[in-house]
Amino acid sequence: QVQLVESGGGLVQAGGSLRLSCAASARAFSTYRMGWFRQAPGKEREYLAAISSGGDRTSYIDSVKDRFTISRDNAKNTVYLQMNSLKPEDTAVYYCAASDSDWKAGYDYWGQGTQVTVSS
């Protein structure tokens, strides 16, 4: 059983930064692809970024590519999302997710989310 717990959300002014963390209970964390998603009020959950199990490959959607950075520390069983130049439209609940394969589509495990609110 894999448990994921997000932290680091909060209230920030537009143009500011936040660093989200996701701590995983999985013994095999170093073999999992990790991703970040978000869900704004009234909208579907949106994929943001992913990082391969070894941390050597990353991907981002275009709207966050120049502002967000995904990283991981396998020794700490933790994945991070550094968010810079935040905009009010970034306001959402942010979720981390884990896949037990670097190659398959989709994710197997999800955290419960952390709220990010960006004020203007």
Protein backbone atom coordinates (compact mmCIF):
# COMPACT_ATOMS: atom_id res chain seq x y z
CA GLN A 1 0.00 0.00 0.00
CA VAL A 2 1.32 3.43 -1.01
CA GLN A 3 0.42 6.61 0.86
CA LEU A 4 1.20 10.09 -0.45
CA VAL A 5 0.95 13.24 1.67
CA GLU A 6 1.27 16.70 0.16
CA SER A 7 2.38 19.78 2.08
CA GLY A 8 3.58 23.32 1.44
CA GLY A 9 0.43 24.93 0.11
CA GLY A 10 -0.87 28.24 1.33
CA LEU A 11 -1.71 31.80 0.42
CA VAL A 12 0.74 33.79 -1.70
CA GLN A 13 0.60 37.02 -3.67
CA ALA A 14 0.82 37.03 -7.45
CA GLY A 15 4.45 36.86 -8.52
CA GLY A 16 5.46 34.93 -5.44
CA SER A 17 6.73 31.39 -5.00
CA LEU A 18 5.80 28.20 -3.19
CA ARG A 19 7.49 24.84 -2.87
CA LEU A 20 5.19 21.85 -2.54
CA SER A 21 6.37 18.55 -1.09
CA CYS A 22 4.93 15.07 -1.39
CA ALA A 23 6.12 12.44 1.07
CA ALA A 24 5.63 8.81 0.08
CA SER A 25 5.39 5.78 2.34
CA ALA A 26 6.35 3.33 -0.40
CA ARG A 27 9.42 1.21 0.17
CA ALA A 28 9.88 1.15 -3.62
CA PHE A 29 9.61 4.93 -4.06
CA SER A 30 12.79 5.00 -6.12
CA THR A 31 11.10 2.83 -8.79
CA TYR A 32 7.99 5.04 -9.18
CA ARG A 33 7.27 7.71 -11.73
CA MET A 34 5.85 10.72 -9.88
CA GLY A 35 3.53 13.44 -11.10
CA TRP A 36 1.81 16.63 -10.01
CA PHE A 37 -1.76 17.58 -10.85
CA ARG A 38 -4.12 20.35 -9.84
CA GLN A 39 -7.85 20.93 -9.73
CA ALA A 40 -9.42 24.38 -9.68
CA PRO A 41 -13.02 24.97 -8.56
CA GLY A 42 -15.47 23.82 -11.21
CA LYS A 43 -12.75 22.30 -13.40
CA GLU A 44 -11.40 18.83 -14.07
CA ARG A 45 -8.12 17.65 -12.62
CA GLU A 46 -5.23 18.87 -14.78
CA TYR A 47 -1.86 17.21 -15.31
CA LEU A 48 1.10 19.53 -14.66
CA ALA A 49 4.41 17.70 -14.56
CA ALA A 50 6.10 14.33 -14.16
CA ILE A 51 9.51 12.98 -13.23
CA SER A 52 10.98 9.57 -13.95
CA SER A 53 11.91 7.16 -11.19
CA GLY A 54 15.59 8.09 -11.30
CA GLY A 55 14.91 11.81 -11.72
CA ASP A 56 16.75 12.02 -15.03
CA ARG A 57 13.69 12.82 -17.18
CA THR A 58 10.98 15.42 -16.61
CA SER A 59 7.98 16.71 -18.51
CA TYR A 60 5.67 19.71 -18.15
CA ILE A 61 2.62 21.17 -19.79
CA ASP A 62 3.35 24.36 -21.69
CA SER A 63 1.48 26.67 -19.32
CA VAL A 64 3.84 25.90 -16.42
CA LYS A 65 7.05 24.85 -18.18
CA ASP A 66 8.86 28.16 -17.62
CA ARG A 67 7.65 28.64 -14.05
CA PHE A 68 7.43 25.25 -12.29
CA THR A 69 10.14 22.69 -11.57
CA ILE A 70 9.57 19.10 -10.48
CA SER A 71 12.33 17.29 -8.60
CA ARG A 72 12.77 14.34 -6.25
CA ASP A 73 14.98 13.11 -3.45
CA ASN A 74 14.77 9.34 -3.44
CA ALA A 75 16.74 9.10 -0.20
CA LYS A 76 13.91 11.03 1.49
CA ASN A 77 11.02 9.41 -0.42
CA THR A 78 9.90 12.89 -1.44
CA VAL A 79 8.96 14.68 -4.65
CA TYR A 80 8.82 18.48 -4.93
CA LEU A 81 7.15 21.09 -7.08
CA GLN A 82 8.84 24.48 -7.05
CA MET A 83 6.37 27.08 -8.29
CA ASN A 84 7.61 30.55 -9.24
CA SER A 85 5.91 33.60 -10.74
CA LEU A 86 2.57 32.42 -9.46
CA LYS A 87 -0.61 33.80 -10.99
CA PRO A 88 -4.16 33.96 -9.63
CA GLU A 89 -5.16 31.33 -12.18
CA ASP A 90 -2.78 28.91 -10.44
CA THR A 91 -5.21 28.79 -7.52
CA ALA A 92 -6.22 25.15 -7.08
CA VAL A 93 -5.83 22.05 -4.97
CA TYR A 94 -2.53 20.43 -5.92
CA TYR A 95 -2.10 16.65 -5.88
CA CYS A 96 0.85 14.34 -6.24
CA ALA A 97 0.53 10.92 -7.82
CA ALA A 98 2.64 7.80 -8.26
CA SER A 99 2.95 5.23 -11.01
CA ASP A 100 4.73 1.93 -10.52
CA SER A 101 6.18 2.16 -14.03
CA ASP A 102 8.18 4.75 -15.94
CA TRP A 103 6.49 3.66 -19.16
CA LYS A 104 2.80 2.99 -18.67
CA ALA A 105 0.06 5.60 -18.95
CA GLY A 106 -1.82 6.76 -15.89
CA TYR A 107 -1.17 6.76 -12.16
CA ASP A 108 -1.89 4.22 -9.46
CA TYR A 109 -1.80 6.23 -6.22
CA TRP A 110 -2.90 9.73 -5.25
CA GLY A 111 -2.42 12.09 -2.35
CA GLN A 112 -5.24 14.05 -0.73
CA GLY A 113 -4.08 17.43 -1.98
CA THR A 114 -2.87 20.76 -0.64
CA GLN A 115 -4.56 24.10 -1.29
CA VAL A 116 -2.68 26.83 -3.15
CA THR A 117 -4.30 30.26 -3.28
CA VAL A 118 -2.72 33.11 -5.26
CA SER A 119 -4.06 36.58 -4.58
CA SER A 120 -3.86 39.57 -6.89
